[in-house]
């Protein structure tokens, strides 16, 4: 009887460990999915900024040229 109770307790402990491990694995997978989603959102956000950087460079270059053109008559 004592042996049966010990084995039953051991069996419940193993079940609890298995359920806990399953819950932990599910949580880790959920966190990984969210992190991957966040990474893709960040990548898309950064990719969307590249045209703005190129446009800012274009405006800067044009502004520099305009200033040089305006200053040229005074240099001559």
N, C-alpha and C. Protein backbone atom coordinates (compact mmCIF):
# COMPACT_ATOMS: atom_id res chain seq x y z
N UNK A 1 0.82 -1.19 0.00
CA UNK A 1 0.00 0.00 0.00
C UNK A 1 0.87 1.26 0.00
N UNK A 2 1.90 1.25 0.81
CA UNK A 2 2.80 2.39 0.86
C UNK A 2 3.52 2.56 -0.47
N UNK A 3 3.89 1.45 -1.07
CA UNK A 3 4.57 1.50 -2.37
C UNK A 3 3.65 2.05 -3.44
N UNK A 4 2.37 1.63 -3.42
CA UNK A 4 1.40 2.13 -4.40
C UNK A 4 1.21 3.64 -4.26
N UNK A 5 1.13 4.11 -3.03
CA UNK A 5 0.96 5.55 -2.79
C UNK A 5 2.17 6.32 -3.27
N UNK A 6 3.36 5.78 -3.04
CA UNK A 6 4.59 6.43 -3.49
C UNK A 6 4.65 6.49 -5.02
N UNK A 7 4.27 5.37 -5.66
CA UNK A 7 4.28 5.34 -7.12
C UNK A 7 3.23 6.29 -7.70
N UNK A 8 2.08 6.37 -7.05
CA UNK A 8 1.03 7.28 -7.51
C UNK A 8 1.50 8.74 -7.38
N UNK A 9 2.14 9.04 -6.27
CA UNK A 9 2.67 10.40 -6.05
C UNK A 9 3.75 10.71 -7.08
N UNK A 10 4.60 9.75 -7.34
CA UNK A 10 5.65 9.94 -8.34
C UNK A 10 5.04 10.15 -9.72
N UNK A 11 4.02 9.39 -10.03
CA UNK A 11 3.35 9.55 -11.32
C UNK A 11 2.73 10.94 -11.46
N UNK A 12 2.08 11.43 -10.40
CA UNK A 12 1.50 12.78 -10.44
C UNK A 12 2.59 13.84 -10.60
N UNK A 13 3.73 13.59 -9.95
CA UNK A 13 4.84 14.54 -10.07
C UNK A 13 5.35 14.60 -11.53
N UNK A 14 5.48 13.43 -12.15
CA UNK A 14 5.93 13.39 -13.54
C UNK A 14 4.91 14.08 -14.46
N UNK A 15 3.62 13.88 -14.18
CA UNK A 15 2.58 14.55 -14.98
C UNK A 15 2.69 16.06 -14.84
N UNK A 16 2.91 16.52 -13.61
CA UNK A 16 3.04 17.96 -13.36
C UNK A 16 4.25 18.53 -14.07
N UNK A 17 5.36 17.78 -14.03
CA UNK A 17 6.58 18.22 -14.72
C UNK A 17 6.32 18.31 -16.22
N UNK A 18 5.66 17.31 -16.76
CA UNK A 18 5.35 17.31 -18.20
C UNK A 18 4.45 18.46 -18.59
N UNK A 19 3.42 18.71 -17.79
CA UNK A 19 2.52 19.83 -18.07
C UNK A 19 3.24 21.16 -17.95
N UNK A 20 4.11 21.29 -16.95
CA UNK A 20 4.88 22.52 -16.78
C UNK A 20 5.83 22.75 -17.94
N UNK A 21 6.49 21.68 -18.37
CA UNK A 21 7.42 21.80 -19.50
C UNK A 21 6.67 22.18 -20.78
N UNK A 22 5.49 21.59 -20.96
CA UNK A 22 4.68 21.94 -22.14
C UNK A 22 4.27 23.40 -22.10
N UNK A 23 3.82 23.87 -20.93
CA UNK A 23 3.42 25.27 -20.79
C UNK A 23 4.61 26.19 -21.04
N UNK A 24 5.76 25.82 -20.51
CA UNK A 24 6.97 26.63 -20.70
C UNK A 24 7.36 26.68 -22.17
N UNK A 25 7.33 25.54 -22.84
CA UNK A 25 7.66 25.50 -24.27
C UNK A 25 6.70 26.36 -25.09
N UNK A 26 5.41 26.29 -24.77
CA UNK A 26 4.44 27.11 -25.49
C UNK A 26 4.72 28.58 -25.30
N UNK A 27 5.07 28.97 -24.06
CA UNK A 27 5.36 30.38 -23.78
C UNK A 27 6.61 30.83 -24.53
N UNK A 28 7.64 30.01 -24.56
CA UNK A 28 8.88 30.34 -25.27
C UNK A 28 8.61 30.50 -26.77
N UNK A 29 7.80 29.62 -27.33
CA UNK A 29 7.45 29.72 -28.75
C UNK A 29 6.66 30.98 -29.02
N UNK A 30 5.72 31.31 -28.14
CA UNK A 30 4.93 32.54 -28.28
C UNK A 30 5.83 33.77 -28.24
N UNK A 31 6.76 33.81 -27.30
CA UNK A 31 7.69 34.94 -27.19
C UNK A 31 8.55 35.03 -28.44
N UNK A 32 9.03 33.91 -28.93
CA UNK A 32 9.85 33.91 -30.15
C UNK A 32 9.06 34.44 -31.34
N UNK A 33 7.81 34.03 -31.47
CA UNK A 33 6.96 34.53 -32.57
C UNK A 33 6.79 36.04 -32.48
N UNK A 34 6.54 36.54 -31.26
CA UNK A 34 6.37 37.99 -31.10
C UNK A 34 7.66 38.73 -31.43
N UNK A 35 8.80 38.18 -31.02
CA UNK A 35 10.08 38.83 -31.31
C UNK A 35 10.37 38.84 -32.81
N UNK A 36 10.06 37.75 -33.47
CA UNK A 36 10.25 37.70 -34.93
C UNK A 36 9.35 38.74 -35.61
N UNK A 37 8.09 38.82 -35.16
CA UNK A 37 7.18 39.81 -35.72
C UNK A 37 7.68 41.23 -35.50
N UNK A 38 8.19 41.50 -34.31
CA UNK A 38 8.74 42.82 -34.00
C UNK A 38 9.95 43.12 -34.88
N UNK A 39 10.78 42.12 -35.11
CA UNK A 39 11.97 42.31 -35.95
C UNK A 39 11.57 42.66 -37.38
N UNK A 40 10.56 41.96 -37.90
CA UNK A 40 10.10 42.27 -39.26
C UNK A 40 9.47 43.66 -39.33
N UNK A 41 8.72 44.03 -38.29
CA UNK A 41 8.13 45.38 -38.26
C UNK A 41 9.23 46.44 -38.25
N UNK A 42 10.29 46.21 -37.47
CA UNK A 42 11.40 47.15 -37.43
C UNK A 42 12.10 47.22 -38.79
N UNK A 43 12.32 46.07 -39.40
CA UNK A 43 12.98 46.05 -40.71
C UNK A 43 12.15 46.80 -41.75
N UNK A 44 10.83 46.59 -41.73
CA UNK A 44 9.97 47.30 -42.67
C UNK A 44 10.01 48.80 -42.40
N UNK A 45 10.02 49.18 -41.14
CA UNK A 45 10.06 50.59 -40.77
C UNK A 45 11.36 51.23 -41.25
N UNK A 46 12.47 50.53 -41.04
CA UNK A 46 13.75 51.07 -41.47
C UNK A 46 13.84 51.14 -42.99
N UNK A 47 13.30 50.14 -43.66
CA UNK A 47 13.32 50.15 -45.13
C UNK A 47 12.49 51.30 -45.67
N UNK A 48 11.42 51.66 -44.98
CA UNK A 48 10.59 52.77 -45.41
C UNK A 48 11.27 54.11 -45.23
N UNK A 49 12.30 54.17 -44.38
CA UNK A 49 13.01 55.42 -44.14
C UNK A 49 14.10 55.67 -45.17
N UNK A 50 14.53 54.64 -45.84
CA UNK A 50 15.60 54.81 -46.83
C UNK A 50 15.24 55.82 -47.91
N UNK A 51 14.01 55.81 -48.44
CA UNK A 51 13.68 56.84 -49.44
C UNK A 51 13.75 58.25 -48.85
N UNK A 52 13.38 58.40 -47.59
CA UNK A 52 13.46 59.71 -46.96
C UNK A 52 14.90 60.18 -46.84
N UNK A 53 15.80 59.28 -46.54
CA UNK A 53 17.22 59.62 -46.44
C UNK A 53 17.74 60.05 -47.82
N UNK A 54 17.37 59.31 -48.84
CA UNK A 54 17.79 59.65 -50.20
C UNK A 54 17.23 61.01 -50.62
N UNK A 55 15.98 61.27 -50.27
CA UNK A 55 15.37 62.55 -50.61
C UNK A 55 16.04 63.69 -49.86
N UNK A 56 16.36 63.48 -48.61
CA UNK A 56 17.06 64.50 -47.82
C UNK A 56 18.43 64.80 -48.41
N UNK A 57 19.11 63.76 -48.87
CA UNK A 57 20.42 63.95 -49.51
C UNK A 57 20.27 64.74 -50.81
N UNK A 58 19.22 64.44 -51.56
CA UNK A 58 18.97 65.17 -52.80
C UNK A 58 18.72 66.65 -52.53
N UNK A 59 17.92 66.95 -51.51
CA UNK A 59 17.63 68.34 -51.16
C UNK A 59 18.90 69.03 -50.67
N UNK A 60 19.71 68.33 -49.85
CA UNK A 60 20.96 68.90 -49.37
C UNK A 60 21.90 69.22 -50.52
N UNK A 61 22.01 68.30 -51.47
CA UNK A 61 22.88 68.50 -52.62
C UNK A 61 22.42 69.68 -53.46
N UNK A 62 21.10 69.75 -53.70
CA UNK A 62 20.56 70.86 -54.48
C UNK A 62 20.76 72.19 -53.76
N UNK A 63 20.55 72.20 -52.46
CA UNK A 63 20.75 73.42 -51.67
C UNK A 63 22.20 73.89 -51.74
N UNK A 64 23.12 72.96 -51.64
CA UNK A 64 24.54 73.30 -51.74
C UNK A 64 24.86 73.91 -53.10
N UNK A 65 24.28 73.34 -54.15
CA UNK A 65 24.51 73.86 -55.51
C UNK A 65 23.92 75.25 -55.66
N UNK A 66 22.72 75.47 -55.13
CA UNK A 66 22.08 76.79 -55.22
C UNK A 66 22.94 77.84 -54.50
N UNK A 67 23.42 77.50 -53.32
CA UNK A 67 24.26 78.43 -52.57
C UNK A 67 25.54 78.74 -53.34
N UNK A 68 26.12 77.71 -53.93
CA UNK A 68 27.34 77.92 -54.73
C UNK A 68 27.04 78.81 -55.93
N UNK A 69 25.90 78.60 -56.59
CA UNK A 69 25.52 79.42 -57.75
C UNK A 69 25.28 80.87 -57.34
N UNK A 70 24.64 81.06 -56.19
CA UNK A 70 24.37 82.42 -55.71
C UNK A 70 25.68 83.13 -55.37
N UNK A 71 26.63 82.43 -54.78
CA UNK A 71 27.89 83.01 -54.36
C UNK A 71 28.86 83.23 -55.53
N UNK A 72 28.67 82.55 -56.61
CA UNK A 72 29.62 82.61 -57.75
C UNK A 72 29.81 84.03 -58.29
N UNK A 73 28.76 84.83 -58.51
CA UNK A 73 29.00 86.18 -59.04
C UNK A 73 29.90 87.03 -58.13
N UNK A 74 29.83 86.82 -56.84
CA UNK A 74 30.66 87.61 -55.93
C UNK A 74 32.11 87.14 -56.00
N UNK A 75 32.32 85.90 -56.39
CA UNK A 75 33.69 85.39 -56.53
C UNK A 75 34.32 85.90 -57.83
N UNK A 76 33.48 86.10 -58.82
CA UNK A 76 34.00 86.56 -60.12
C UNK A 76 34.34 87.99 -59.98
